Protein backbone atom coordinates (compact mmCIF):
# COMPACT_ATOMS: atom_id res chain seq x y z
CA UNK A 1 -48.74 -18.80 15.56
CA UNK A 2 -47.25 -21.99 14.07
CA UNK A 3 -46.90 -20.35 10.63
CA UNK A 4 -45.21 -17.31 12.25
CA UNK A 5 -42.68 -19.55 14.03
CA UNK A 6 -42.09 -21.45 10.78
CA UNK A 7 -41.28 -18.21 8.95
CA UNK A 8 -38.83 -17.15 11.67
CA UNK A 9 -37.18 -20.58 11.60
CA UNK A 10 -36.87 -20.39 7.81
CA UNK A 11 -35.27 -16.92 8.02
CA UNK A 12 -32.69 -18.20 10.48
CA UNK A 13 -32.02 -21.24 8.32
CA UNK A 14 -31.45 -19.05 5.24
CA UNK A 15 -29.45 -16.42 7.11
CA UNK A 16 -27.05 -18.75 8.90
CA UNK A 17 -25.10 -19.90 5.80
CA UNK A 18 -24.83 -16.29 4.59
CA UNK A 19 -23.47 -15.22 7.97
CA UNK A 20 -20.98 -18.09 7.97
CA UNK A 21 -19.86 -17.18 4.45
CA UNK A 22 -19.36 -13.55 5.49
CA UNK A 23 -17.33 -14.62 8.53
CA UNK A 24 -15.21 -16.96 6.42
CA UNK A 25 -14.57 -14.19 3.89
CA UNK A 26 -13.52 -11.78 6.66
CA UNK A 27 -11.23 -14.43 8.16
CA UNK A 28 -9.73 -15.06 4.72
CA UNK A 29 -9.05 -11.34 4.24
CA UNK A 30 -7.35 -11.05 7.61
CA UNK A 31 -5.21 -14.12 6.91
CA UNK A 32 -4.14 -12.76 3.51
CA UNK A 33 -3.34 -9.39 5.09
CA UNK A 34 -1.29 -11.07 7.82
CA UNK A 35 0.58 -13.23 5.28
CA UNK A 36 1.38 -10.16 3.17
CA UNK A 37 2.51 -8.12 6.18
CA UNK A 38 4.76 -10.90 7.50
CA UNK A 39 6.25 -11.69 4.08
CA UNK A 40 7.11 -8.00 3.72
CA UNK A 41 8.99 -7.99 7.02
CA UNK A 42 6.26 -6.55 9.19
CA UNK A 43 7.60 -8.21 12.31
CA UNK A 44 10.78 -6.12 11.92
CA UNK A 45 9.00 -2.78 11.48
CA UNK A 46 9.21 -1.85 15.17
CA UNK A 47 13.01 -1.79 14.87
CA UNK A 48 13.05 0.73 12.01
CA UNK A 49 14.35 4.20 12.93
CA UNK A 50 15.03 5.81 9.56
CA UNK A 51 14.39 5.08 5.88
CA UNK A 52 16.34 6.82 3.12
CA UNK A 53 15.19 6.38 -0.47
CA UNK A 54 14.84 8.08 -3.84
CA UNK A 55 11.55 7.91 -5.76
CA UNK A 56 12.17 8.07 -9.51
CA UNK A 57 9.68 8.10 -12.40
CA UNK A 58 11.12 7.05 -15.78
CA UNK A 59 9.83 6.71 -19.32
CA UNK A 60 11.84 5.13 -22.13
CA UNK A 61 14.89 5.13 -19.88
CA UNK A 62 14.68 8.87 -19.17
CA UNK A 63 14.05 10.20 -15.66
CA UNK A 64 10.96 12.43 -15.62
CA UNK A 65 10.99 13.19 -11.89
CA UNK A 66 12.80 12.24 -8.71
CA UNK A 67 12.48 13.01 -5.02
CA UNK A 68 14.94 12.13 -2.28
CA UNK A 69 13.64 11.22 1.18
CA UNK A 70 15.27 11.01 4.59
CA UNK A 71 12.40 9.73 6.71
CA UNK A 72 12.97 9.76 10.45
CA UNK A 73 10.35 7.21 11.47
CA UNK A 74 10.97 7.70 15.18
CA UNK A 75 10.58 11.50 14.98
CA UNK A 76 7.76 11.42 12.37
CA UNK A 77 9.57 13.78 10.00
CA UNK A 78 10.65 13.44 6.38
CA UNK A 79 13.24 15.62 4.69
CA UNK A 80 12.29 15.80 1.01
CA UNK A 81 14.40 17.14 -1.87
CA UNK A 82 12.96 17.58 -5.35
CA UNK A 83 13.11 19.78 -8.45
CA UNK A 84 9.90 21.33 -9.76
CA UNK A 85 8.85 21.70 -13.42
CA UNK A 86 10.56 25.08 -13.61
CA UNK A 87 13.85 23.54 -12.50
CA UNK A 88 13.81 25.08 -9.03
CA UNK A 89 15.29 22.98 -6.22
CA UNK A 90 13.28 22.40 -3.05
CA UNK A 91 14.33 20.96 0.30
CA UNK A 92 11.66 20.75 2.98
CA UNK A 93 11.34 18.80 6.23
CA UNK A 94 7.71 17.73 6.62
CA UNK A 95 6.23 17.11 10.06
CA UNK A 96 4.16 13.99 9.47
CA UNK A 97 2.03 14.50 12.60
CA UNK A 98 1.09 18.16 12.08
CA UNK A 99 -0.95 19.51 9.12
CA UNK A 100 1.22 21.54 6.75
CA UNK A 101 0.71 25.31 6.88
CA UNK A 102 2.33 26.43 3.60
CA UNK A 103 2.42 25.18 0.02
CA UNK A 104 5.98 23.81 0.11
CA UNK A 105 5.28 21.88 3.29
CA UNK A 106 2.03 20.55 1.79
CA UNK A 107 3.90 19.44 -1.33
CA UNK A 108 6.59 17.72 0.77
CA UNK A 109 3.94 15.95 2.84
CA UNK A 110 2.11 14.87 -0.33
CA UNK A 111 5.35 13.49 -1.73
CA UNK A 112 5.87 11.44 1.44
CA UNK A 113 2.32 10.07 1.30
CA UNK A 114 2.64 9.03 -2.36
CA UNK A 115 6.27 7.92 -2.52
CA UNK A 116 6.37 6.03 0.79
CA UNK A 117 3.18 4.18 -0.16
CA UNK A 118 4.78 2.85 -3.35
CA UNK A 119 7.65 1.70 -1.15
CA UNK A 120 5.81 0.36 1.89
CA UNK A 121 2.12 -0.26 1.14
CA UNK A 122 2.22 -3.94 2.22
CA UNK A 123 3.64 -2.89 5.60
CA UNK A 124 0.88 -0.30 6.12
CA UNK A 125 -1.92 -2.78 5.61
CA UNK A 126 -2.55 -2.93 9.38
CA UNK A 127 -2.75 0.86 9.78
CA UNK A 128 -5.83 2.29 11.44
CA UNK A 129 -8.60 2.92 8.94
CA UNK A 130 -7.39 0.39 6.35
CA UNK A 131 -10.13 -2.07 5.39
CA UNK A 132 -9.34 -5.40 3.72
CA UNK A 133 -11.57 -7.77 1.76
CA UNK A 134 -10.75 -11.07 0.11
CA UNK A 135 -11.26 -10.80 -3.64
CA UNK A 136 -10.82 -14.46 -4.52
CA UNK A 137 -8.30 -16.01 -6.93
CA UNK A 138 -7.55 -14.24 -10.21
CA UNK A 139 -5.22 -15.04 -13.08
CA UNK A 140 -2.18 -12.80 -13.55
CA UNK A 141 0.14 -13.69 -16.43
CA UNK A 142 -0.85 -17.35 -16.21
CA UNK A 143 -0.50 -17.56 -12.41
CA UNK A 144 -3.49 -17.93 -10.09
CA UNK A 145 -3.09 -15.28 -7.38
CA UNK A 146 -5.21 -14.58 -4.34
CA UNK A 147 -6.44 -11.00 -4.40
CA UNK A 148 -6.83 -8.63 -1.47
CA UNK A 149 -8.94 -5.49 -1.78
CA UNK A 150 -7.98 -2.36 0.16
CA UNK A 151 -10.26 0.57 0.98
CA UNK A 152 -9.87 3.35 3.52
CA UNK A 153 -11.86 5.05 6.26
CA UNK A 154 -10.70 8.69 6.25
CA UNK A 155 -7.05 7.69 5.76
CA UNK A 156 -4.51 9.59 3.65
CA UNK A 157 -5.02 12.40 1.15
CA UNK A 158 -7.31 10.38 -1.16
CA UNK A 159 -9.38 8.13 1.12
CA UNK A 160 -11.81 7.18 -1.67
CA UNK A 161 -9.08 5.43 -3.66
CA UNK A 162 -9.06 1.63 -3.67
CA UNK A 163 -6.40 -0.97 -4.44
CA UNK A 164 -6.37 -4.67 -5.23
CA UNK A 165 -3.20 -6.63 -4.45
CA UNK A 166 -2.35 -9.78 -6.44
CA UNK A 167 -0.40 -12.03 -4.07
CA UNK A 168 2.22 -14.53 -5.19
CA UNK A 169 0.97 -17.98 -4.06
CA UNK A 170 4.48 -19.02 -2.96
CA UNK A 171 6.06 -15.91 -1.42
CA UNK A 172 2.82 -14.12 -0.35
CA UNK A 173 4.43 -10.91 -1.67
CA UNK A 174 2.54 -8.76 -4.19
CA UNK A 175 3.08 -9.39 -7.91
CA UNK A 176 0.98 -6.39 -8.91
CA UNK A 177 -1.83 -4.15 -7.80
CA UNK A 178 -4.81 -2.42 -9.38
CA UNK A 179 -5.19 1.24 -8.47
CA UNK A 180 -8.86 2.27 -8.59
CA UNK A 181 -9.58 5.99 -8.02
CA UNK A 182 -13.11 7.21 -7.37
CA UNK A 183 -12.95 9.12 -10.65
CA UNK A 184 -10.58 9.11 -13.59
CA UNK A 185 -8.53 6.28 -15.01
CA UNK A 186 -7.04 3.57 -12.87
CA UNK A 187 -4.04 1.42 -13.65
CA UNK A 188 -2.37 -1.90 -12.97
CA UNK A 189 1.26 -1.72 -11.84
CA UNK A 190 3.77 -4.47 -11.20
CA UNK A 191 5.58 -5.04 -7.91
CA UNK A 192 8.97 -6.53 -8.70
CA UNK A 193 12.71 -6.74 -8.04
CA UNK A 194 12.29 -7.33 -4.31
CA UNK A 195 15.29 -6.78 -2.08
CA UNK A 196 15.77 -6.98 1.68
CA UNK A 197 16.75 -3.86 3.64
CA UNK A 198 16.96 -3.96 7.41
CA UNK A 199 14.65 -6.96 7.54
CA UNK A 200 12.06 -5.39 5.20
CA UNK A 201 11.30 -7.05 1.84
CA UNK A 202 10.67 -4.18 -0.56
CA UNK A 203 9.82 -3.98 -4.26
CA UNK A 204 12.30 -1.67 -5.97
CA UNK A 205 10.49 -1.37 -9.31
CA UNK A 206 6.93 -0.84 -10.58
CA UNK A 207 5.92 -0.79 -14.27
CA UNK A 208 2.68 0.58 -15.72
CA UNK A 209 1.46 2.25 -18.93
CA UNK A 210 4.96 2.54 -20.42
CA UNK A 211 6.40 4.17 -17.29
CA UNK A 212 8.60 2.84 -14.49
CA UNK A 213 8.79 3.83 -10.84
CA UNK A 214 12.15 2.98 -9.29
CA UNK A 215 12.86 3.07 -5.57
CA UNK A 216 16.60 3.69 -5.41
CA UNK A 217 19.29 4.46 -2.82
CA UNK A 218 17.30 2.58 -0.17
CA UNK A 219 18.73 2.46 3.33
CA UNK A 220 16.81 1.16 6.34
CA UNK A 221 18.35 2.16 9.66
CA UNK A 222 17.30 -0.07 12.54
CA UNK A 223 17.79 -0.09 16.29
CA UNK A 224 20.80 -2.09 17.46
């Protein structure tokens, strides 16, 4: 009986530090997520009624693709305009709360998911189904940044994708992120040229693999 009790006591003694470490890591992740959300203007998000922006992909100074968005946040709709590879113009209003029923509506919804995430990912970090994990400090261009890992529980069109944010130690805004798909090649993209729109601090440029994503014509309409 004494040896049995000793084994149980030993298990508790070994397990307690591990449990504390796990709790501390979870607390660290939540603090990093909160810092990122606040630095990005999260406390002003409830005032946002509409967001207008243009998502542009460039290479060597030449625009490869662009899509214009008029996102009515309050109504959960997004009017999307784009030109396909054949040069045909499209203009579709996607209902963001109802699954799309036709190909154009599905394409418009997919554009909103992708393009708005490049614009607003730090502000969506508290969305239902988003999981955060502290990744520890990592060097990025000679700067030690805290890293925050994102994974998803049945969220979005590609819930198996993962991201790692590199957070600026001074501003708490992202300097870059790693995109890690379940299959295929990932990438590291910068988050830069931050500007403030309607109380939101948004990166207007991302660079990766010789390409640039620009978020242009940004307007954030807020409640008076």
